[in-house]
Amino acid sequence: MIEQMHQHAWVTASLDIPFGRGVNFQMELSDISSVYSRLKAAQVELFRELSETWYDIGDKLSGQREFLVQDPDGYLLRFSQHLGEKSKL
């Protein structure tokens, strides 16, 4: 849950802007195209453009289409779509 600051919030430490430093929330969707298109149509600046990335997971690679957007409090929101796995070449 991302909670807006208010009088009864659970504050665990001093809050300095930007609040979300170092935080990356990943949302995995079956198809990220519509979210990406809506953000681009609204002229939202992306933190990282749409790309295909393959991550080393040991004996194989795991692929994702992904892009990142930063919310007004500094939190990075990473939207991803799993592409499957493949062997290392």
N, C-alpha and C. Protein backbone atom coordinates (compact mmCIF):
# COMPACT_ATOMS: atom_id res chain seq x y z
N MET A 1 0.84 -1.17 0.00
CA MET A 1 0.00 0.00 0.00
C MET A 1 0.89 1.24 0.00
N ILE A 2 0.59 2.18 -0.82
CA ILE A 2 1.25 3.48 -0.79
C ILE A 2 0.26 4.43 -0.13
N GLU A 3 0.67 5.03 0.97
CA GLU A 3 -0.23 5.85 1.76
C GLU A 3 0.18 7.31 1.71
N GLN A 4 -0.77 8.18 1.49
CA GLN A 4 -0.52 9.61 1.51
C GLN A 4 -0.26 10.04 2.95
N MET A 5 0.63 11.00 3.13
CA MET A 5 0.91 11.50 4.48
C MET A 5 -0.35 12.14 5.07
N HIS A 6 -0.63 11.81 6.32
CA HIS A 6 -1.76 12.39 7.02
C HIS A 6 -1.49 12.32 8.52
N GLN A 7 -2.35 12.90 9.31
CA GLN A 7 -2.14 13.05 10.75
C GLN A 7 -1.94 11.72 11.48
N HIS A 8 -2.57 10.64 11.03
CA HIS A 8 -2.50 9.37 11.73
C HIS A 8 -1.61 8.34 11.02
N ALA A 9 -0.74 8.79 10.12
CA ALA A 9 0.13 7.88 9.38
C ALA A 9 1.14 7.21 10.31
N TRP A 10 1.55 6.01 9.96
CA TRP A 10 2.57 5.30 10.71
C TRP A 10 3.93 5.78 10.23
N VAL A 11 4.52 6.70 10.92
CA VAL A 11 5.81 7.28 10.53
C VAL A 11 6.90 6.57 11.32
N THR A 12 7.80 5.89 10.61
CA THR A 12 8.85 5.11 11.26
C THR A 12 10.18 5.84 11.34
N ALA A 13 10.32 6.93 10.61
CA ALA A 13 11.56 7.70 10.62
C ALA A 13 11.28 9.08 10.02
N SER A 14 12.27 9.93 10.04
CA SER A 14 12.15 11.26 9.46
C SER A 14 11.83 11.15 7.97
N LEU A 15 10.87 11.93 7.52
CA LEU A 15 10.48 11.89 6.11
C LEU A 15 11.06 13.09 5.39
N ASP A 16 11.94 12.80 4.45
CA ASP A 16 12.57 13.84 3.64
C ASP A 16 12.23 13.59 2.19
N ILE A 17 11.86 14.62 1.49
CA ILE A 17 11.51 14.53 0.08
C ILE A 17 12.79 14.38 -0.75
N PRO A 18 12.84 13.52 -1.78
CA PRO A 18 11.75 12.66 -2.22
C PRO A 18 11.64 11.41 -1.33
N PHE A 19 10.42 11.04 -0.98
CA PHE A 19 10.17 9.94 -0.06
C PHE A 19 10.64 8.60 -0.59
N GLY A 20 10.51 8.36 -1.87
CA GLY A 20 10.72 7.03 -2.43
C GLY A 20 12.12 6.66 -2.82
N ARG A 21 13.12 7.34 -2.34
CA ARG A 21 14.49 7.03 -2.74
C ARG A 21 14.80 5.56 -2.48
N GLY A 22 15.31 4.89 -3.50
CA GLY A 22 15.73 3.51 -3.36
C GLY A 22 14.61 2.48 -3.44
N VAL A 23 13.37 2.91 -3.66
CA VAL A 23 12.26 1.97 -3.72
C VAL A 23 11.82 1.78 -5.17
N ASN A 24 11.63 0.52 -5.55
CA ASN A 24 11.21 0.16 -6.89
C ASN A 24 10.09 -0.86 -6.76
N PHE A 25 8.88 -0.48 -7.13
CA PHE A 25 7.74 -1.40 -7.10
C PHE A 25 7.53 -1.95 -8.50
N GLN A 26 7.53 -3.28 -8.62
CA GLN A 26 7.32 -3.90 -9.92
C GLN A 26 5.91 -4.44 -10.01
N MET A 27 5.22 -4.09 -11.09
CA MET A 27 3.89 -4.60 -11.38
C MET A 27 3.99 -5.44 -12.65
N GLU A 28 3.75 -6.73 -12.53
CA GLU A 28 3.83 -7.60 -13.69
C GLU A 28 2.45 -7.76 -14.30
N LEU A 29 2.35 -7.43 -15.57
CA LEU A 29 1.08 -7.49 -16.30
C LEU A 29 1.22 -8.48 -17.45
N SER A 30 0.10 -9.00 -17.91
CA SER A 30 0.16 -9.93 -19.05
C SER A 30 0.49 -9.18 -20.34
N ASP A 31 0.16 -7.88 -20.40
CA ASP A 31 0.48 -7.05 -21.57
C ASP A 31 0.62 -5.60 -21.10
N ILE A 32 1.81 -5.04 -21.21
CA ILE A 32 2.03 -3.67 -20.72
C ILE A 32 1.76 -2.61 -21.78
N SER A 33 1.40 -3.02 -22.98
CA SER A 33 1.22 -2.07 -24.08
C SER A 33 0.20 -0.98 -23.79
N SER A 34 -0.95 -1.34 -23.21
CA SER A 34 -2.00 -0.33 -23.00
C SER A 34 -1.58 0.68 -21.93
N VAL A 35 -0.92 0.24 -20.87
CA VAL A 35 -0.46 1.17 -19.84
C VAL A 35 0.59 2.12 -20.42
N TYR A 36 1.53 1.54 -21.18
CA TYR A 36 2.57 2.35 -21.82
C TYR A 36 1.94 3.38 -22.76
N SER A 37 0.99 2.96 -23.59
CA SER A 37 0.35 3.87 -24.55
C SER A 37 -0.40 5.00 -23.85
N ARG A 38 -1.09 4.68 -22.76
CA ARG A 38 -1.84 5.71 -22.03
C ARG A 38 -0.90 6.73 -21.39
N LEU A 39 0.21 6.28 -20.83
CA LEU A 39 1.17 7.21 -20.23
C LEU A 39 1.81 8.11 -21.30
N LYS A 40 2.15 7.52 -22.45
CA LYS A 40 2.74 8.31 -23.53
C LYS A 40 1.72 9.32 -24.06
N ALA A 41 0.46 8.92 -24.21
CA ALA A 41 -0.58 9.83 -24.70
C ALA A 41 -0.80 10.99 -23.74
N ALA A 42 -0.61 10.74 -22.44
CA ALA A 42 -0.76 11.79 -21.43
C ALA A 42 0.53 12.59 -21.25
N GLN A 43 1.53 12.29 -22.06
CA GLN A 43 2.83 12.96 -22.04
C GLN A 43 3.52 12.87 -20.68
N VAL A 44 3.37 11.72 -20.02
CA VAL A 44 4.07 11.46 -18.77
C VAL A 44 5.51 11.11 -19.11
N GLU A 45 6.45 11.78 -18.45
CA GLU A 45 7.86 11.51 -18.69
C GLU A 45 8.24 10.20 -18.02
N LEU A 46 8.82 9.30 -18.79
CA LEU A 46 9.23 8.01 -18.25
C LEU A 46 10.64 8.10 -17.67
N PHE A 47 10.87 7.38 -16.60
CA PHE A 47 12.21 7.31 -16.00
C PHE A 47 13.11 6.44 -16.87
N ARG A 48 12.52 5.37 -17.43
CA ARG A 48 13.24 4.49 -18.36
C ARG A 48 12.25 4.06 -19.43
N GLU A 49 12.62 4.26 -20.67
CA GLU A 49 11.76 3.92 -21.81
C GLU A 49 11.53 2.41 -21.90
N LEU A 50 10.52 2.04 -22.64
CA LEU A 50 10.19 0.65 -22.88
C LEU A 50 11.37 -0.08 -23.50
N SER A 51 11.72 -1.22 -22.93
CA SER A 51 12.83 -2.00 -23.46
C SER A 51 12.60 -3.47 -23.17
N GLU A 52 13.33 -4.30 -23.86
CA GLU A 52 13.34 -5.74 -23.60
C GLU A 52 14.65 -6.04 -22.87
N THR A 53 14.54 -6.70 -21.73
CA THR A 53 15.71 -6.97 -20.90
C THR A 53 15.72 -8.45 -20.55
N TRP A 54 16.91 -9.05 -20.61
CA TRP A 54 17.09 -10.46 -20.25
C TRP A 54 18.00 -10.53 -19.04
N TYR A 55 17.48 -11.13 -17.96
CA TYR A 55 18.19 -11.21 -16.69
C TYR A 55 18.78 -12.61 -16.50
N ASP A 56 20.00 -12.66 -16.04
CA ASP A 56 20.69 -13.91 -15.74
C ASP A 56 20.10 -14.49 -14.46
N ILE A 57 19.52 -15.69 -14.56
CA ILE A 57 18.95 -16.34 -13.38
C ILE A 57 19.64 -17.69 -13.12
N GLY A 58 20.92 -17.75 -13.37
CA GLY A 58 21.67 -18.98 -13.14
C GLY A 58 22.02 -19.67 -14.44
N ASP A 59 21.33 -20.79 -14.73
CA ASP A 59 21.65 -21.54 -15.94
C ASP A 59 20.87 -21.09 -17.17
N LYS A 60 20.03 -20.06 -17.03
CA LYS A 60 19.26 -19.54 -18.16
C LYS A 60 18.99 -18.04 -17.98
N LEU A 61 18.31 -17.47 -18.96
CA LEU A 61 17.95 -16.05 -18.94
C LEU A 61 16.44 -15.92 -18.86
N SER A 62 15.96 -14.92 -18.12
CA SER A 62 14.54 -14.63 -18.00
C SER A 62 14.28 -13.26 -18.62
N GLY A 63 13.33 -13.20 -19.55
CA GLY A 63 13.10 -11.96 -20.30
C GLY A 63 11.88 -11.19 -19.84
N GLN A 64 11.97 -9.86 -19.97
CA GLN A 64 10.87 -8.97 -19.65
C GLN A 64 10.84 -7.81 -20.63
N ARG A 65 9.63 -7.37 -20.99
CA ARG A 65 9.44 -6.04 -21.57
C ARG A 65 9.14 -5.18 -20.37
N GLU A 66 9.76 -4.01 -20.29
CA GLU A 66 9.57 -3.20 -19.09
C GLU A 66 9.83 -1.73 -19.37
N PHE A 67 9.21 -0.90 -18.53
CA PHE A 67 9.51 0.53 -18.50
C PHE A 67 9.28 1.01 -17.08
N LEU A 68 9.88 2.15 -16.73
CA LEU A 68 9.75 2.69 -15.39
C LEU A 68 9.25 4.13 -15.44
N VAL A 69 8.40 4.46 -14.49
CA VAL A 69 7.91 5.83 -14.32
C VAL A 69 8.12 6.19 -12.85
N GLN A 70 8.44 7.44 -12.59
CA GLN A 70 8.65 7.90 -11.21
C GLN A 70 7.46 8.72 -10.77
N ASP A 71 6.86 8.35 -9.63
CA ASP A 71 5.70 9.11 -9.16
C ASP A 71 6.16 10.40 -8.48
N PRO A 72 5.26 11.31 -8.16
CA PRO A 72 5.65 12.61 -7.60
C PRO A 72 6.45 12.54 -6.29
N ASP A 73 6.33 11.43 -5.54
CA ASP A 73 7.09 11.29 -4.30
C ASP A 73 8.42 10.59 -4.50
N GLY A 74 8.78 10.26 -5.73
CA GLY A 74 10.07 9.67 -6.02
C GLY A 74 10.07 8.16 -6.13
N TYR A 75 8.93 7.50 -5.93
CA TYR A 75 8.88 6.05 -6.04
C TYR A 75 8.97 5.64 -7.50
N LEU A 76 9.81 4.64 -7.78
CA LEU A 76 9.89 4.10 -9.13
C LEU A 76 8.86 2.99 -9.28
N LEU A 77 8.05 3.09 -10.33
CA LEU A 77 7.06 2.08 -10.64
C LEU A 77 7.50 1.39 -11.92
N ARG A 78 7.82 0.10 -11.79
CA ARG A 78 8.31 -0.66 -12.94
C ARG A 78 7.20 -1.58 -13.43
N PHE A 79 6.75 -1.35 -14.65
CA PHE A 79 5.74 -2.18 -15.28
C PHE A 79 6.46 -3.19 -16.16
N SER A 80 6.14 -4.46 -15.97
CA SER A 80 6.85 -5.50 -16.72
C SER A 80 5.89 -6.54 -17.28
N GLN A 81 6.35 -7.18 -18.33
CA GLN A 81 5.63 -8.26 -18.99
C GLN A 81 6.62 -9.39 -19.20
N HIS A 82 6.35 -10.55 -18.62
CA HIS A 82 7.26 -11.69 -18.72
C HIS A 82 7.30 -12.21 -20.15
N LEU A 83 8.51 -12.43 -20.67
CA LEU A 83 8.68 -12.92 -22.04
C LEU A 83 9.07 -14.39 -22.10
N GLY A 84 9.30 -14.98 -20.95
CA GLY A 84 9.73 -16.38 -20.94
C GLY A 84 11.19 -16.51 -20.57
N GLU A 85 11.69 -17.72 -20.74
CA GLU A 85 13.09 -18.00 -20.42
C GLU A 85 13.77 -18.60 -21.63
N LYS A 86 15.08 -18.45 -21.67
CA LYS A 86 15.86 -19.06 -22.75
C LYS A 86 17.21 -19.44 -22.20
N SER A 87 17.87 -20.34 -22.90
CA SER A 87 19.19 -20.76 -22.44
C SER A 87 20.22 -19.70 -22.80
N LYS A 88 21.30 -19.70 -22.04
CA LYS A 88 22.39 -18.76 -22.32
C LYS A 88 23.12 -19.21 -23.58
N LEU A 89 23.55 -18.24 -24.36
CA LEU A 89 24.28 -18.58 -25.60
C LEU A 89 25.75 -18.47 -25.39
